[in-house]
Amino acid sequence: MDWSDAQRKVANGEADALLQINPDAERDKIYDFSDELLESDFCYSSKWAISRAVNLSI
């Protein structure tokens, strides 16, 4: 499902929750975050980043 559709469904009461959403100041104004339900580690790599030894960690 498209991310904006998922957010709209929650806002309209058509869905109960969004998964894989991280809290920030703006989202705290809109959503009621629970304790962490699951932990996910993500990694991104590309030929461009690897060939240039670019660290894309945030």
PDB file of N, CA and C in Angstrom:
ATOM      1  N   MET A   1       0.849  -1.171   0.000  1.00  0.00           N
ATOM      2  CA  MET A   1       0.000   0.000   0.000  1.00  0.00           C
ATOM      3  C   MET A   1       0.897   1.237   0.000  1.00  0.00           C
ATOM      4  N   ASP A   2       0.488   2.240  -0.713  1.00  0.00           N
ATOM      5  CA  ASP A   2       1.206   3.508  -0.760  1.00  0.00           C
ATOM      6  C   ASP A   2       1.217   4.155   0.623  1.00  0.00           C
ATOM      7  N   TRP A   3       2.357   4.746   1.009  1.00  0.00           N
ATOM      8  CA  TRP A   3       2.527   5.326   2.336  1.00  0.00           C
ATOM      9  C   TRP A   3       1.496   6.416   2.615  1.00  0.00           C
ATOM     10  N   SER A   4       1.246   7.299   1.661  1.00  0.00           N
ATOM     11  CA  SER A   4       0.266   8.368   1.905  1.00  0.00           C
ATOM     12  C   SER A   4      -1.142   7.810   2.040  1.00  0.00           C
ATOM     13  N   ASP A   5      -1.455   6.729   1.315  1.00  0.00           N
ATOM     14  CA  ASP A   5      -2.760   6.079   1.483  1.00  0.00           C
ATOM     15  C   ASP A   5      -2.886   5.486   2.885  1.00  0.00           C
ATOM     16  N   ALA A   6      -1.823   4.867   3.372  1.00  0.00           N
ATOM     17  CA  ALA A   6      -1.846   4.285   4.716  1.00  0.00           C
ATOM     18  C   ALA A   6      -2.071   5.367   5.770  1.00  0.00           C
ATOM     19  N   GLN A   7      -1.382   6.490   5.639  1.00  0.00           N
ATOM     20  CA  GLN A   7      -1.564   7.594   6.595  1.00  0.00           C
ATOM     21  C   GLN A   7      -2.983   8.148   6.538  1.00  0.00           C
ATOM     22  N   ARG A   8      -3.525   8.270   5.337  1.00  0.00           N
ATOM     23  CA  ARG A   8      -4.887   8.773   5.177  1.00  0.00           C
ATOM     24  C   ARG A   8      -5.889   7.820   5.824  1.00  0.00           C
ATOM     25  N   LYS A   9      -5.698   6.522   5.638  1.00  0.00           N
ATOM     26  CA  LYS A   9      -6.610   5.541   6.226  1.00  0.00           C
ATOM     27  C   LYS A   9      -6.596   5.618   7.752  1.00  0.00           C
ATOM     28  N   VAL A  10      -5.427   5.806   8.341  1.00  0.00           N
ATOM     29  CA  VAL A  10      -5.359   5.950   9.805  1.00  0.00           C
ATOM     30  C   VAL A  10      -6.064   7.237  10.227  1.00  0.00           C
ATOM     31  N   ALA A  11      -5.803   8.323   9.521  1.00  0.00           N
ATOM     32  CA  ALA A  11      -6.417   9.612   9.862  1.00  0.00           C
ATOM     33  C   ALA A  11      -7.939   9.555   9.742  1.00  0.00           C
ATOM     34  N   ASN A  12      -8.454   8.775   8.785  1.00  0.00           N
ATOM     35  CA  ASN A  12      -9.900   8.675   8.567  1.00  0.00           C
ATOM     36  C   ASN A  12     -10.555   7.566   9.377  1.00  0.00           C
ATOM     37  N   GLY A  13      -9.784   6.876  10.209  1.00  0.00           N
ATOM     38  CA  GLY A  13     -10.346   5.803  11.015  1.00  0.00           C
ATOM     39  C   GLY A  13     -10.582   4.512  10.252  1.00  0.00           C
ATOM     40  N   GLU A  14     -10.029   4.406   9.052  1.00  0.00           N
ATOM     41  CA  GLU A  14     -10.182   3.194   8.242  1.00  0.00           C
ATOM     42  C   GLU A  14      -9.131   2.141   8.584  1.00  0.00           C
ATOM     43  N   ALA A  15      -8.108   2.521   9.331  1.00  0.00           N
ATOM     44  CA  ALA A  15      -7.051   1.605   9.781  1.00  0.00           C
ATOM     45  C   ALA A  15      -6.659   2.012  11.193  1.00  0.00           C
ATOM     46  N   ASP A  16      -6.112   1.080  11.933  1.00  0.00           N
ATOM     47  CA  ASP A  16      -5.804   1.325  13.342  1.00  0.00           C
ATOM     48  C   ASP A  16      -4.359   1.739  13.616  1.00  0.00           C
ATOM     49  N   ALA A  17      -3.437   1.392  12.735  1.00  0.00           N
ATOM     50  CA  ALA A  17      -2.030   1.638  13.057  1.00  0.00           C
ATOM     51  C   ALA A  17      -1.178   1.702  11.800  1.00  0.00           C
ATOM     52  N   LEU A  18      -0.009   2.304  11.967  1.00  0.00           N
ATOM     53  CA  LEU A  18       1.035   2.290  10.948  1.00  0.00           C
ATOM     54  C   LEU A  18       2.226   1.550  11.538  1.00  0.00           C
ATOM     55  N   LEU A  19       2.759   0.616  10.792  1.00  0.00           N
ATOM     56  CA  LEU A  19       3.959  -0.094  11.234  1.00  0.00           C
ATOM     57  C   LEU A  19       5.178   0.494  10.534  1.00  0.00           C
ATOM     58  N   GLN A  20       6.314   0.323  11.178  1.00  0.00           N
ATOM     59  CA  GLN A  20       7.581   0.804  10.618  1.00  0.00           C
ATOM     60  C   GLN A  20       7.594   2.328  10.465  1.00  0.00           C
ATOM     61  N   ILE A  21       7.039   3.028  11.423  1.00  0.00           N
ATOM     62  CA  ILE A  21       7.075   4.493  11.426  1.00  0.00           C
ATOM     63  C   ILE A  21       7.856   4.929  12.656  1.00  0.00           C
ATOM     64  N   ASN A  22       8.823   5.788  12.446  1.00  0.00           N
ATOM     65  CA  ASN A  22       9.653   6.276  13.547  1.00  0.00           C
ATOM     66  C   ASN A  22       9.125   7.612  14.048  1.00  0.00           C
ATOM     67  N   PRO A  23       9.103   7.788  15.359  1.00  0.00           N
ATOM     68  CA  PRO A  23       8.622   9.067  15.903  1.00  0.00           C
ATOM     69  C   PRO A  23       9.596  10.206  15.626  1.00  0.00           C
ATOM     70  N   ASP A  24       9.048  11.371  15.418  1.00  0.00           N
ATOM     71  CA  ASP A  24       9.811  12.620  15.378  1.00  0.00           C
ATOM     72  C   ASP A  24       8.875  13.722  15.872  1.00  0.00           C
ATOM     73  N   ALA A  25       9.357  14.923  15.949  1.00  0.00           N
ATOM     74  CA  ALA A  25       8.572  16.018  16.532  1.00  0.00           C
ATOM     75  C   ALA A  25       7.247  16.240  15.799  1.00  0.00           C
ATOM     76  N   GLU A  26       7.255  16.219  14.476  1.00  0.00           N
ATOM     77  CA  GLU A  26       6.029  16.436  13.700  1.00  0.00           C
ATOM     78  C   GLU A  26       5.050  15.273  13.863  1.00  0.00           C
ATOM     79  N   ARG A  27       5.560  14.060  13.807  1.00  0.00           N
ATOM     80  CA  ARG A  27       4.685  12.892  13.936  1.00  0.00           C
ATOM     81  C   ARG A  27       4.114  12.767  15.343  1.00  0.00           C
ATOM     82  N   ASP A  28       4.862  13.219  16.345  1.00  0.00           N
ATOM     83  CA  ASP A  28       4.357  13.183  17.723  1.00  0.00           C
ATOM     84  C   ASP A  28       3.095  14.034  17.880  1.00  0.00           C
ATOM     85  N   LYS A  29       2.939  15.058  17.043  1.00  0.00           N
ATOM     86  CA  LYS A  29       1.760  15.917  17.091  1.00  0.00           C
ATOM     87  C   LYS A  29       0.526  15.214  16.526  1.00  0.00           C
ATOM     88  N   ILE A  30       0.753  14.235  15.638  1.00  0.00           N
ATOM     89  CA  ILE A  30      -0.335  13.581  14.917  1.00  0.00           C
ATOM     90  C   ILE A  30      -0.668  12.202  15.477  1.00  0.00           C
ATOM     91  N   TYR A  31       0.376  11.437  15.808  1.00  0.00           N
ATOM     92  CA  TYR A  31       0.199  10.029  16.175  1.00  0.00           C
ATOM     93  C   TYR A  31       0.501   9.779  17.643  1.00  0.00           C
ATOM     94  N   ASP A  32      -0.128   8.757  18.187  1.00  0.00           N
ATOM     95  CA  ASP A  32       0.121   8.308  19.553  1.00  0.00           C
ATOM     96  C   ASP A  32       1.010   7.063  19.464  1.00  0.00           C
ATOM     97  N   PHE A  33       2.297   7.225  19.723  1.00  0.00           N
ATOM     98  CA  PHE A  33       3.248   6.127  19.581  1.00  0.00           C
ATOM     99  C   PHE A  33       3.227   5.219  20.807  1.00  0.00           C
ATOM    100  N   SER A  34       3.280   3.925  20.544  1.00  0.00           N
ATOM    101  CA  SER A  34       3.389   2.929  21.611  1.00  0.00           C
ATOM    102  C   SER A  34       4.871   2.609  21.831  1.00  0.00           C
ATOM    103  N   ASP A  35       5.129   1.738  22.797  1.00  0.00           N
ATOM    104  CA  ASP A  35       6.483   1.222  22.941  1.00  0.00           C
ATOM    105  C   ASP A  35       6.812   0.439  21.678  1.00  0.00           C
ATOM    106  N   GLU A  36       8.098   0.242  21.435  1.00  0.00           N
ATOM    107  CA  GLU A  36       8.544  -0.463  20.244  1.00  0.00           C
ATOM    108  C   GLU A  36       7.926  -1.863  20.172  1.00  0.00           C
ATOM    109  N   LEU A  37       7.313  -2.185  19.023  1.00  0.00           N
ATOM    110  CA  LEU A  37       6.698  -3.493  18.828  1.00  0.00           C
ATOM    111  C   LEU A  37       7.676  -4.493  18.211  1.00  0.00           C
ATOM    112  N   LEU A  38       8.506  -4.015  17.311  1.00  0.00           N
ATOM    113  CA  LEU A  38       9.512  -4.867  16.698  1.00  0.00           C
ATOM    114  C   LEU A  38      10.706  -4.016  16.333  1.00  0.00           C
ATOM    115  N   GLU A  39      11.852  -4.649  16.298  1.00  0.00           N
ATOM    116  CA  GLU A  39      13.082  -3.938  15.973  1.00  0.00           C
ATOM    117  C   GLU A  39      13.525  -4.365  14.587  1.00  0.00           C
ATOM    118  N   SER A  40      13.827  -3.394  13.741  1.00  0.00           N
ATOM    119  CA  SER A  40      14.259  -3.678  12.377  1.00  0.00           C
ATOM    120  C   SER A  40      15.552  -2.930  12.095  1.00  0.00           C
ATOM    121  N   ASP A  41      16.487  -3.624  11.527  1.00  0.00           N
ATOM    122  CA  ASP A  41      17.726  -3.001  11.077  1.00  0.00           C
ATOM    123  C   ASP A  41      17.678  -2.950   9.561  1.00  0.00           C
ATOM    124  N   PHE A  42      18.001  -1.796   9.015  1.00  0.00           N
ATOM    125  CA  PHE A  42      17.976  -1.626   7.577  1.00  0.00           C
ATOM    126  C   PHE A  42      19.373  -1.292   7.085  1.00  0.00           C
ATOM    127  N   CYS A  43      19.660  -1.731   5.907  1.00  0.00           N
ATOM    128  CA  CYS A  43      20.955  -1.460   5.291  1.00  0.00           C
ATOM    129  C   CYS A  43      20.705  -1.084   3.836  1.00  0.00           C
ATOM    130  N   TYR A  44      21.440  -0.108   3.360  1.00  0.00           N
ATOM    131  CA  TYR A  44      21.345   0.302   1.968  1.00  0.00           C
ATOM    132  C   TYR A  44      22.732   0.273   1.373  1.00  0.00           C
ATOM    133  N   SER A  45      22.845  -0.298   0.205  1.00  0.00           N
ATOM    134  CA  SER A  45      24.130  -0.255  -0.493  1.00  0.00           C
ATOM    135  C   SER A  45      23.868  -0.119  -1.981  1.00  0.00           C
ATOM    136  N   SER A  46      24.828   0.422  -2.655  1.00  0.00           N
ATOM    137  CA  SER A  46      24.755   0.552  -4.104  1.00  0.00           C
ATOM    138  C   SER A  46      26.159   0.459  -4.659  1.00  0.00           C
ATOM    139  N   LYS A  47      26.278   0.185  -5.930  1.00  0.00           N
ATOM    140  CA  LYS A  47      27.604   0.142  -6.549  1.00  0.00           C
ATOM    141  C   LYS A  47      28.303   1.488  -6.388  1.00  0.00           C
ATOM    142  N   TRP A  48      27.545   2.580  -6.510  1.00  0.00           N
ATOM    143  CA  TRP A  48      28.120   3.916  -6.381  1.00  0.00           C
ATOM    144  C   TRP A  48      28.713   4.113  -4.991  1.00  0.00           C
ATOM    145  N   ALA A  49      27.958   3.802  -3.948  1.00  0.00           N
ATOM    146  CA  ALA A  49      28.426   4.009  -2.575  1.00  0.00           C
ATOM    147  C   ALA A  49      29.597   3.092  -2.257  1.00  0.00           C
ATOM    148  N   ILE A  50      29.524   1.837  -2.677  1.00  0.00           N
ATOM    149  CA  ILE A  50      30.593   0.889  -2.385  1.00  0.00           C
ATOM    150  C   ILE A  50      31.871   1.281  -3.117  1.00  0.00           C
ATOM    151  N   SER A  51      31.770   1.682  -4.367  1.00  0.00           N
ATOM    152  CA  SER A  51      32.966   2.035  -5.134  1.00  0.00           C
ATOM    153  C   SER A  51      33.630   3.300  -4.595  1.00  0.00           C
ATOM    154  N   ARG A  52      32.887   4.126  -3.878  1.00  0.00           N
ATOM    155  CA  ARG A  52      33.441   5.363  -3.338  1.00  0.00           C
ATOM    156  C   ARG A  52      33.613   5.299  -1.826  1.00  0.00           C
ATOM    157  N   ALA A  53      33.331   4.150  -1.237  1.00  0.00           N
ATOM    158  CA  ALA A  53      33.448   3.945   0.218  1.00  0.00           C
ATOM    159  C   ALA A  53      32.696   5.034   0.969  1.00  0.00           C
ATOM    160  N   VAL A  54      31.462   5.284   0.550  1.00  0.00           N
ATOM    161  CA  VAL A  54      30.636   6.316   1.166  1.00  0.00           C
ATOM    162  C   VAL A  54      29.869   5.696   2.329  1.00  0.00           C
ATOM    163  N   ASN A  55      29.891   6.343   3.474  1.00  0.00           N
ATOM    164  CA  ASN A  55      29.130   5.891   4.623  1.00  0.00           C
ATOM    165  C   ASN A  55      27.782   6.594   4.591  1.00  0.00           C
ATOM    166  N   LEU A  56      26.715   5.817   4.408  1.00  0.00           N
ATOM    167  CA  LEU A  56      25.372   6.379   4.340  1.00  0.00           C
ATOM    168  C   LEU A  56      24.621   6.222   5.643  1.00  0.00           C
ATOM    169  N   SER A  57      25.326   5.857   6.707  1.00  0.00           N
ATOM    170  CA  SER A  57      24.672   5.660   8.001  1.00  0.00           C
ATOM    171  C   SER A  57      24.135   6.966   8.516  1.00  0.00           C
ATOM    172  N   ILE A  58      22.976   6.860   9.151  1.00  0.00           N
ATOM    173  CA  ILE A  58      22.366   8.039   9.777  1.00  0.00           C
ATOM    174  C   ILE A  58      22.402   7.867  11.263  1.00  0.00           C
TER     175      ILE A  58
END
